[in-house]
């Protein structure tokens, strides 16, 4: 009987160890920050037209060295027709927001639909579009994405250069596009223990207050926050009996991940 109990206990401990290892592996994968968040935005250089309507159906990105098979689809928030002239003088619109593996984006492919047109002196004309409607316009970009950082990537149409009049009352769309990216703020991450404190983490800078709910192993992250000096507050569930804690003067830099020392709450 004693031998059976010992065997059963050992088996239970093994199961617990395997379960904990699996959970730790999954959470460490997220906490190690193997991905970056990418915001894809559309903007426009000025053009001398009443409107320029472009039918954007899909966007693909390539973060590999395989220019043939290394493409990943980026789900668009709203595929369809956009008036480029709505996004002049620094105005842009969000096309997509996705988590992608960190690394270097080498190319973007923009796939257009058939509903492209230009309005000139109040009259609308269809825009004949090149083969990019099927295969996609291939745009070169070399953007290095750091794990845990939020980036914005702009697709900047030059409407004036992209519209070509044929001389017979017809217009062609031969897109002239510039792409560029930048990091938007920095990232603060760390761990608050023990998990049974059920803590909420607050990041405060002046009037800005952000909240994070840690994972089951206590990992938390604030991404895309403004550069500056922040204070962190660790507030446990009031029913757990743990006391609050805080860390002042946490420096945040754009494009940098700041790792905060582990905080252990006490009763």
C-alpha atoms as a PDB file:
ATOM      1  CA  UNK A   1       0.000   0.000   0.000  1.00  0.00           C
ATOM      2  CA  UNK A   2       2.796   2.378   0.994  1.00  0.00           C
ATOM      3  CA  UNK A   3       4.596   1.627  -2.271  1.00  0.00           C
ATOM      4  CA  UNK A   4       1.431   2.387  -4.279  1.00  0.00           C
ATOM      5  CA  UNK A   5       0.942   5.689  -2.453  1.00  0.00           C
ATOM      6  CA  UNK A   6       4.534   6.696  -3.171  1.00  0.00           C
ATOM      7  CA  UNK A   7       4.114   5.783  -6.846  1.00  0.00           C
ATOM      8  CA  UNK A   8       0.860   7.750  -7.053  1.00  0.00           C
ATOM      9  CA  UNK A   9       2.477  10.766  -5.369  1.00  0.00           C
ATOM     10  CA  UNK A  10       5.423  10.637  -7.753  1.00  0.00           C
ATOM     11  CA  UNK A  11       3.048  10.449 -10.714  1.00  0.00           C
ATOM     12  CA  UNK A  12       1.082  13.455  -9.481  1.00  0.00           C
ATOM     13  CA  UNK A  13       4.272  15.455  -8.989  1.00  0.00           C
ATOM     14  CA  UNK A  14       5.383  14.540 -12.503  1.00  0.00           C
ATOM     15  CA  UNK A  15       2.058  15.687 -13.984  1.00  0.00           C
ATOM     16  CA  UNK A  16       2.252  18.967 -12.055  1.00  0.00           C
ATOM     17  CA  UNK A  17       5.833  19.527 -13.231  1.00  0.00           C
ATOM     18  CA  UNK A  18       4.913  18.856 -16.855  1.00  0.00           C
ATOM     19  CA  UNK A  19       1.873  21.142 -16.629  1.00  0.00           C
ATOM     20  CA  UNK A  20       3.896  23.937 -15.019  1.00  0.00           C
ATOM     21  CA  UNK A  21       6.628  23.560 -17.639  1.00  0.00           C
ATOM     22  CA  UNK A  22       4.062  23.766 -20.438  1.00  0.00           C
ATOM     23  CA  UNK A  23       2.447  26.862 -18.932  1.00  0.00           C
ATOM     24  CA  UNK A  24       5.828  28.457 -18.339  1.00  0.00           C
ATOM     25  CA  UNK A  25       6.855  27.702 -21.906  1.00  0.00           C
ATOM     26  CA  UNK A  26       3.733  29.317 -23.324  1.00  0.00           C
ATOM     27  CA  UNK A  27       3.952  32.346 -21.086  1.00  0.00           C
ATOM     28  CA  UNK A  28       7.675  32.732 -21.602  1.00  0.00           C
ATOM     29  CA  UNK A  29       7.022  32.708 -25.319  1.00  0.00           C
ATOM     30  CA  UNK A  30       4.775  35.735 -24.913  1.00  0.00           C
ATOM     31  CA  UNK A  31       6.970  37.398 -22.322  1.00  0.00           C
ATOM     32  CA  UNK A  32      10.111  36.950 -24.380  1.00  0.00           C
ATOM     33  CA  UNK A  33       8.450  39.231 -26.931  1.00  0.00           C
ATOM     34  CA  UNK A  34       9.032  37.276 -30.111  1.00  0.00           C
ATOM     35  CA  UNK A  35       6.589  39.476 -32.006  1.00  0.00           C
ATOM     36  CA  UNK A  36       6.080  43.138 -32.785  1.00  0.00           C
ATOM     37  CA  UNK A  37       2.821  44.974 -33.438  1.00  0.00           C
ATOM     38  CA  UNK A  38       2.559  46.591 -36.858  1.00  0.00           C
ATOM     39  CA  UNK A  39       0.079  49.333 -37.750  1.00  0.00           C
ATOM     40  CA  UNK A  40      -0.317  49.761 -41.495  1.00  0.00           C
ATOM     41  CA  UNK A  41      -1.478  53.249 -42.526  1.00  0.00           C
ATOM     42  CA  UNK A  42      -2.411  54.948 -45.804  1.00  0.00           C
ATOM     43  CA  UNK A  43      -1.461  58.556 -46.556  1.00  0.00           C
ATOM     44  CA  UNK A  44      -1.077  60.721 -49.676  1.00  0.00           C
ATOM     45  CA  UNK A  45       1.075  63.406 -51.264  1.00  0.00           C
ATOM     46  CA  UNK A  46      -1.059  66.219 -52.806  1.00  0.00           C
ATOM     47  CA  UNK A  47      -2.587  65.831 -56.271  1.00  0.00           C
ATOM     48  CA  UNK A  48      -4.404  68.303 -58.557  1.00  0.00           C
ATOM     49  CA  UNK A  49      -7.638  66.328 -58.802  1.00  0.00           C
ATOM     50  CA  UNK A  50     -11.074  66.491 -57.228  1.00  0.00           C
ATOM     51  CA  UNK A  51     -10.715  62.904 -55.981  1.00  0.00           C
ATOM     52  CA  UNK A  52      -8.597  59.827 -56.554  1.00  0.00           C
ATOM     53  CA  UNK A  53     -10.343  56.590 -55.596  1.00  0.00           C
ATOM     54  CA  UNK A  54      -8.165  53.524 -55.100  1.00  0.00           C
ATOM     55  CA  UNK A  55      -9.600  50.068 -54.438  1.00  0.00           C
ATOM     56  CA  UNK A  56      -7.326  48.388 -51.863  1.00  0.00           C
ATOM     57  CA  UNK A  57      -8.210  44.714 -51.511  1.00  0.00           C
ATOM     58  CA  UNK A  58      -5.291  43.171 -49.648  1.00  0.00           C
ATOM     59  CA  UNK A  59      -1.803  43.730 -48.308  1.00  0.00           C
ATOM     60  CA  UNK A  60       0.954  41.156 -47.919  1.00  0.00           C
ATOM     61  CA  UNK A  61       4.291  41.504 -46.164  1.00  0.00           C
ATOM     62  CA  UNK A  62       7.512  39.551 -46.516  1.00  0.00           C
ATOM     63  CA  UNK A  63       9.849  39.245 -43.541  1.00  0.00           C
ATOM     64  CA  UNK A  64      11.886  36.402 -45.055  1.00  0.00           C
ATOM     65  CA  UNK A  65      14.564  35.940 -47.687  1.00  0.00           C
ATOM     66  CA  UNK A  66      12.134  33.967 -49.866  1.00  0.00           C
ATOM     67  CA  UNK A  67      10.694  36.486 -52.330  1.00  0.00           C
ATOM     68  CA  UNK A  68       8.392  33.838 -53.822  1.00  0.00           C
ATOM     69  CA  UNK A  69       6.838  31.951 -50.913  1.00  0.00           C
ATOM     70  CA  UNK A  70       7.627  34.150 -47.911  1.00  0.00           C
ATOM     71  CA  UNK A  71       4.504  36.312 -48.072  1.00  0.00           C
ATOM     72  CA  UNK A  72       2.051  36.729 -45.191  1.00  0.00           C
ATOM     73  CA  UNK A  73      -1.439  38.195 -45.582  1.00  0.00           C
ATOM     74  CA  UNK A  74      -2.254  41.209 -43.423  1.00  0.00           C
ATOM     75  CA  UNK A  75      -5.995  41.269 -42.580  1.00  0.00           C
ATOM     76  CA  UNK A  76      -7.341  44.705 -43.485  1.00  0.00           C
ATOM     77  CA  UNK A  77      -9.787  46.480 -41.202  1.00  0.00           C
ATOM     78  CA  UNK A  78     -11.890  47.537 -44.184  1.00  0.00           C
ATOM     79  CA  UNK A  79     -10.916  46.423 -47.699  1.00  0.00           C
ATOM     80  CA  UNK A  80     -12.381  48.635 -50.397  1.00  0.00           C
ATOM     81  CA  UNK A  81     -12.262  52.084 -51.997  1.00  0.00           C
ATOM     82  CA  UNK A  82     -10.351  54.963 -50.407  1.00  0.00           C
ATOM     83  CA  UNK A  83     -10.153  58.553 -51.637  1.00  0.00           C
ATOM     84  CA  UNK A  84      -6.442  59.327 -51.466  1.00  0.00           C
ATOM     85  CA  UNK A  85      -7.110  63.043 -51.264  1.00  0.00           C
ATOM     86  CA  UNK A  86      -8.766  62.551 -47.871  1.00  0.00           C
ATOM     87  CA  UNK A  87      -5.320  61.794 -46.441  1.00  0.00           C
ATOM     88  CA  UNK A  88      -3.228  64.815 -47.384  1.00  0.00           C
ATOM     89  CA  UNK A  89      -1.044  67.053 -45.201  1.00  0.00           C
ATOM     90  CA  UNK A  90      -0.101  64.453 -42.628  1.00  0.00           C
ATOM     91  CA  UNK A  91      -3.547  62.863 -42.313  1.00  0.00           C
ATOM     92  CA  UNK A  92      -3.645  59.082 -42.555  1.00  0.00           C
ATOM     93  CA  UNK A  93      -6.008  56.180 -42.004  1.00  0.00           C
ATOM     94  CA  UNK A  94      -5.438  52.827 -40.339  1.00  0.00           C
ATOM     95  CA  UNK A  95      -5.571  49.908 -42.779  1.00  0.00           C
ATOM     96  CA  UNK A  96      -4.497  47.112 -40.430  1.00  0.00           C
ATOM     97  CA  UNK A  97      -3.070  46.371 -36.999  1.00  0.00           C
ATOM     98  CA  UNK A  98      -1.412  42.967 -36.564  1.00  0.00           C
ATOM     99  CA  UNK A  99       1.140  41.074 -34.496  1.00  0.00           C
ATOM    100  CA  UNK A 100       3.945  39.708 -36.641  1.00  0.00           C
ATOM    101  CA  UNK A 101       7.232  37.926 -35.877  1.00  0.00           C
ATOM    102  CA  UNK A 102       9.961  40.440 -35.084  1.00  0.00           C
ATOM    103  CA  UNK A 103      12.680  40.790 -37.667  1.00  0.00           C
ATOM    104  CA  UNK A 104      13.229  42.630 -40.934  1.00  0.00           C
ATOM    105  CA  UNK A 105      10.385  43.365 -43.349  1.00  0.00           C
ATOM    106  CA  UNK A 106      11.922  43.325 -46.798  1.00  0.00           C
ATOM    107  CA  UNK A 107       8.905  43.874 -49.042  1.00  0.00           C
ATOM    108  CA  UNK A 108       5.219  44.800 -49.095  1.00  0.00           C
ATOM    109  CA  UNK A 109       2.724  43.760 -51.749  1.00  0.00           C
ATOM    110  CA  UNK A 110      -0.349  45.912 -52.305  1.00  0.00           C
ATOM    111  CA  UNK A 111      -3.199  44.246 -54.232  1.00  0.00           C
ATOM    112  CA  UNK A 112      -5.747  46.545 -55.898  1.00  0.00           C
ATOM    113  CA  UNK A 113      -9.281  45.810 -57.040  1.00  0.00           C
ATOM    114  CA  UNK A 114     -11.131  47.042 -60.139  1.00  0.00           C
ATOM    115  CA  UNK A 115     -12.979  50.059 -58.683  1.00  0.00           C
ATOM    116  CA  UNK A 116     -10.314  52.714 -59.251  1.00  0.00           C
ATOM    117  CA  UNK A 117     -11.274  56.141 -60.600  1.00  0.00           C
ATOM    118  CA  UNK A 118     -10.270  59.795 -60.760  1.00  0.00           C
ATOM    119  CA  UNK A 119     -12.498  62.885 -60.643  1.00  0.00           C
ATOM    120  CA  UNK A 120     -11.319  65.793 -62.825  1.00  0.00           C
ATOM    121  CA  UNK A 121     -13.292  69.070 -62.961  1.00  0.00           C
ATOM    122  CA  UNK A 122     -16.333  67.273 -61.557  1.00  0.00           C
ATOM    123  CA  UNK A 123     -16.234  64.416 -64.082  1.00  0.00           C
ATOM    124  CA  UNK A 124     -15.370  60.858 -63.054  1.00  0.00           C
ATOM    125  CA  UNK A 125     -13.080  58.654 -65.152  1.00  0.00           C
ATOM    126  CA  UNK A 126     -12.126  55.030 -64.595  1.00  0.00           C
ATOM    127  CA  UNK A 127      -8.472  54.351 -63.909  1.00  0.00           C
ATOM    128  CA  UNK A 128      -6.932  51.579 -65.945  1.00  0.00           C
ATOM    129  CA  UNK A 129      -4.774  49.630 -63.552  1.00  0.00           C
ATOM    130  CA  UNK A 130      -1.702  47.465 -64.246  1.00  0.00           C
ATOM    131  CA  UNK A 131      -1.333  43.796 -63.406  1.00  0.00           C
ATOM    132  CA  UNK A 132      -0.986  44.715 -59.722  1.00  0.00           C
ATOM    133  CA  UNK A 133      -4.702  43.986 -59.442  1.00  0.00           C
ATOM    134  CA  UNK A 134      -3.868  40.283 -59.450  1.00  0.00           C
ATOM    135  CA  UNK A 135      -0.249  39.874 -58.311  1.00  0.00           C
ATOM    136  CA  UNK A 136       0.093  43.055 -56.264  1.00  0.00           C
ATOM    137  CA  UNK A 137       2.378  46.064 -56.407  1.00  0.00           C
ATOM    138  CA  UNK A 138       5.685  45.014 -54.888  1.00  0.00           C
ATOM    139  CA  UNK A 139       7.209  47.702 -52.664  1.00  0.00           C
ATOM    140  CA  UNK A 140      10.689  47.409 -51.213  1.00  0.00           C
ATOM    141  CA  UNK A 141      11.126  48.209 -47.538  1.00  0.00           C
ATOM    142  CA  UNK A 142      13.832  47.385 -45.029  1.00  0.00           C
ATOM    143  CA  UNK A 143      12.304  47.913 -41.592  1.00  0.00           C
ATOM    144  CA  UNK A 144      13.837  46.237 -38.547  1.00  0.00           C
ATOM    145  CA  UNK A 145      11.125  45.363 -36.025  1.00  0.00           C
ATOM    146  CA  UNK A 146      12.206  44.924 -32.393  1.00  0.00           C
ATOM    147  CA  UNK A 147      10.278  42.394 -30.266  1.00  0.00           C
ATOM    148  CA  UNK A 148       7.637  44.031 -28.079  1.00  0.00           C
ATOM    149  CA  UNK A 149       7.664  47.382 -29.903  1.00  0.00           C
ATOM    150  CA  UNK A 150       4.724  48.925 -31.790  1.00  0.00           C
ATOM    151  CA  UNK A 151       5.540  50.224 -35.266  1.00  0.00           C
ATOM    152  CA  UNK A 152       3.643  52.295 -37.786  1.00  0.00           C
ATOM    153  CA  UNK A 153       4.234  51.671 -41.455  1.00  0.00           C
ATOM    154  CA  UNK A 154       2.937  54.159 -43.995  1.00  0.00           C
ATOM    155  CA  UNK A 155       1.968  53.519 -47.616  1.00  0.00           C
ATOM    156  CA  UNK A 156       2.372  56.991 -49.092  1.00  0.00           C
ATOM    157  CA  UNK A 157       0.712  57.388 -52.509  1.00  0.00           C
ATOM    158  CA  UNK A 158       1.819  60.260 -54.706  1.00  0.00           C
ATOM    159  CA  UNK A 159      -1.531  60.947 -56.363  1.00  0.00           C
ATOM    160  CA  UNK A 160      -0.143  63.553 -58.728  1.00  0.00           C
ATOM    161  CA  UNK A 161       2.558  61.250 -60.138  1.00  0.00           C
ATOM    162  CA  UNK A 162       0.391  58.120 -60.023  1.00  0.00           C
ATOM    163  CA  UNK A 163      -2.258  59.388 -62.473  1.00  0.00           C
ATOM    164  CA  UNK A 164      -1.209  59.364 -66.143  1.00  0.00           C
ATOM    165  CA  UNK A 165      -3.444  61.036 -68.757  1.00  0.00           C
ATOM    166  CA  UNK A 166      -3.342  59.158 -72.095  1.00  0.00           C
ATOM    167  CA  UNK A 167      -4.452  62.160 -74.158  1.00  0.00           C
ATOM    168  CA  UNK A 168      -7.664  60.505 -75.341  1.00  0.00           C
ATOM    169  CA  UNK A 169      -9.811  61.319 -72.323  1.00  0.00           C
ATOM    170  CA  UNK A 170      -8.559  58.271 -70.478  1.00  0.00           C
ATOM    171  CA  UNK A 171      -6.414  57.890 -67.396  1.00  0.00           C
ATOM    172  CA  UNK A 172      -4.073  55.161 -66.201  1.00  0.00           C
ATOM    173  CA  UNK A 173      -3.090  54.386 -62.636  1.00  0.00           C
ATOM    174  CA  UNK A 174       0.638  53.728 -62.364  1.00  0.00           C
ATOM    175  CA  UNK A 175       1.165  53.989 -58.622  1.00  0.00           C
ATOM    176  CA  UNK A 176       4.161  55.907 -57.329  1.00  0.00           C
ATOM    177  CA  UNK A 177       4.413  54.931 -53.685  1.00  0.00           C
ATOM    178  CA  UNK A 178       6.823  55.631 -50.865  1.00  0.00           C
ATOM    179  CA  UNK A 179       6.934  53.419 -47.769  1.00  0.00           C
ATOM    180  CA  UNK A 180       8.435  54.256 -44.402  1.00  0.00           C
ATOM    181  CA  UNK A 181       8.097  53.129 -40.803  1.00  0.00           C
ATOM    182  CA  UNK A 182       8.832  54.310 -37.296  1.00  0.00           C
ATOM    183  CA  UNK A 183       8.527  52.998 -33.771  1.00  0.00           C
ATOM    184  CA  UNK A 184       5.642  54.489 -31.788  1.00  0.00           C
ATOM    185  CA  UNK A 185       6.798  54.898 -28.221  1.00  0.00           C
ATOM    186  CA  UNK A 186       8.533  52.294 -26.092  1.00  0.00           C
ATOM    187  CA  UNK A 187       7.643  49.204 -24.103  1.00  0.00           C
ATOM    188  CA  UNK A 188       7.742  48.491 -20.372  1.00  0.00           C
ATOM    189  CA  UNK A 189       7.514  44.916 -19.156  1.00  0.00           C
ATOM    190  CA  UNK A 190       8.159  42.852 -16.056  1.00  0.00           C
ATOM    191  CA  UNK A 191       6.712  40.368 -13.563  1.00  0.00           C
ATOM    192  CA  UNK A 192       4.692  40.852 -10.387  1.00  0.00           C
ATOM    193  CA  UNK A 193       4.489  38.008  -7.855  1.00  0.00           C
ATOM    194  CA  UNK A 194       2.876  36.004  -6.386  1.00  0.00           C
ATOM    195  CA  UNK A 195       0.176  35.198  -8.953  1.00  0.00           C
ATOM    196  CA  UNK A 196      -2.403  34.634  -6.223  1.00  0.00           C
ATOM    197  CA  UNK A 197      -2.196  38.351  -5.357  1.00  0.00           C
ATOM    198  CA  UNK A 198      -4.236  38.902  -8.561  1.00  0.00           C
ATOM    199  CA  UNK A 199      -2.564  42.261  -9.028  1.00  0.00           C
ATOM    200  CA  UNK A 200      -3.416  44.974 -11.528  1.00  0.00           C
ATOM    201  CA  UNK A 201      -0.514  47.069 -12.803  1.00  0.00           C
ATOM    202  CA  UNK A 202      -0.919  50.788 -13.514  1.00  0.00           C
ATOM    203  CA  UNK A 203       1.540  52.952 -15.449  1.00  0.00           C
ATOM    204  CA  UNK A 204       1.177  56.679 -14.739  1.00  0.00           C
ATOM    205  CA  UNK A 205       2.770  59.664 -16.471  1.00  0.00           C
ATOM    206  CA  UNK A 206       1.127  62.987 -15.629  1.00  0.00           C
ATOM    207  CA  UNK A 207      -2.510  62.639 -16.651  1.00  0.00           C
ATOM    208  CA  UNK A 208      -1.888  59.444 -18.641  1.00  0.00           C
ATOM    209  CA  UNK A 209      -2.834  56.216 -16.832  1.00  0.00           C
ATOM    210  CA  UNK A 210      -2.554  52.769 -18.437  1.00  0.00           C
ATOM    211  CA  UNK A 211      -3.634  49.410 -17.003  1.00  0.00           C
ATOM    212  CA  UNK A 212      -2.341  45.864 -17.484  1.00  0.00           C
ATOM    213  CA  UNK A 213      -3.632  42.516 -16.219  1.00  0.00           C
ATOM    214  CA  UNK A 214      -0.657  40.151 -15.686  1.00  0.00           C
ATOM    215  CA  UNK A 215      -0.614  36.599 -17.080  1.00  0.00           C
ATOM    216  CA  UNK A 216      -0.937  33.516 -14.872  1.00  0.00           C
ATOM    217  CA  UNK A 217       2.786  33.720 -14.063  1.00  0.00           C
ATOM    218  CA  UNK A 218       2.627  37.465 -13.351  1.00  0.00           C
ATOM    219  CA  UNK A 219       4.058  38.818 -16.622  1.00  0.00           C
ATOM    220  CA  UNK A 220       2.790  42.235 -17.773  1.00  0.00           C
ATOM    221  CA  UNK A 221       3.621  44.546 -20.665  1.00  0.00           C
ATOM    222  CA  UNK A 222       2.790  48.103 -21.717  1.00  0.00           C
ATOM    223  CA  UNK A 223       3.565  48.639 -25.411  1.00  0.00           C
ATOM    224  CA  UNK A 224       3.526  51.783 -27.546  1.00  0.00           C
ATOM    225  CA  UNK A 225       3.706  54.227 -24.637  1.00  0.00           C
ATOM    226  CA  UNK A 226       5.170  57.711 -24.862  1.00  0.00           C
ATOM    227  CA  UNK A 227       8.812  58.315 -24.069  1.00  0.00           C
ATOM    228  CA  UNK A 228       9.369  59.875 -20.664  1.00  0.00           C
ATOM    229  CA  UNK A 229       9.408  58.992 -16.979  1.00  0.00           C
ATOM    230  CA  UNK A 230       6.618  56.744 -15.683  1.00  0.00           C
ATOM    231  CA  UNK A 231       5.577  55.391 -12.308  1.00  0.00           C
ATOM    232  CA  UNK A 232       4.284  51.845 -11.890  1.00  0.00           C
ATOM    233  CA  UNK A 233       1.722  50.862  -9.262  1.00  0.00           C
ATOM    234  CA  UNK A 234       0.999  47.246  -8.339  1.00  0.00           C
ATOM    235  CA  UNK A 235      -2.468  46.889  -6.814  1.00  0.00           C
ATOM    236  CA  UNK A 236      -3.495  43.434  -5.568  1.00  0.00           C
ATOM    237  CA  UNK A 237      -7.067  42.221  -5.234  1.00  0.00           C
ATOM    238  CA  UNK A 238      -8.324  43.576  -1.901  1.00  0.00           C
ATOM    239  CA  UNK A 239      -9.539  40.111  -0.868  1.00  0.00           C
ATOM    240  CA  UNK A 240      -6.080  38.527  -1.105  1.00  0.00           C
ATOM    241  CA  UNK A 241      -4.542  40.405   1.827  1.00  0.00           C
ATOM    242  CA  UNK A 242      -1.468  41.597  -0.121  1.00  0.00           C
ATOM    243  CA  UNK A 243      -0.189  45.180   0.094  1.00  0.00           C
ATOM    244  CA  UNK A 244       0.281  47.667  -2.734  1.00  0.00           C
ATOM    245  CA  UNK A 245       3.706  48.421  -4.142  1.00  0.00           C
ATOM    246  CA  UNK A 246       5.150  50.910  -6.607  1.00  0.00           C
ATOM    247  CA  UNK A 247       8.235  51.783  -8.641  1.00  0.00           C
ATOM    248  CA  UNK A 248       9.008  55.402  -9.525  1.00  0.00           C
ATOM    249  CA  UNK A 249      11.109  56.928 -12.307  1.00  0.00           C
ATOM    250  CA  UNK A 250      10.836  54.181 -14.897  1.00  0.00           C
ATOM    251  CA  UNK A 251      12.423  55.622 -18.036  1.00  0.00           C
ATOM    252  CA  UNK A 252      10.819  54.901 -21.411  1.00  0.00           C
ATOM    253  CA  UNK A 253      12.577  55.456 -24.746  1.00  0.00           C
ATOM    254  CA  UNK A 254      11.056  55.210 -28.204  1.00  0.00           C
ATOM    255  CA  UNK A 255      11.904  51.900 -29.837  1.00  0.00           C
ATOM    256  CA  UNK A 256      13.354  50.418 -26.637  1.00  0.00           C
ATOM    257  CA  UNK A 257      12.017  47.646 -24.362  1.00  0.00           C
ATOM    258  CA  UNK A 258      12.508  48.541 -20.690  1.00  0.00           C
ATOM    259  CA  UNK A 259      12.658  45.498 -18.399  1.00  0.00           C
ATOM    260  CA  UNK A 260      11.488  46.230 -14.855  1.00  0.00           C
ATOM    261  CA  UNK A 261      12.863  44.166 -11.942  1.00  0.00           C
ATOM    262  CA  UNK A 262      10.458  41.569 -10.561  1.00  0.00           C
ATOM    263  CA  UNK A 263       8.113  42.922  -7.883  1.00  0.00           C
ATOM    264  CA  UNK A 264       7.065  40.579  -5.054  1.00  0.00           C
ATOM    265  CA  UNK A 265       4.069  41.709  -3.041  1.00  0.00           C
ATOM    266  CA  UNK A 266       3.821  40.904   0.670  1.00  0.00           C
ATOM    267  CA  UNK A 267       0.914  40.429   3.062  1.00  0.00           C
END
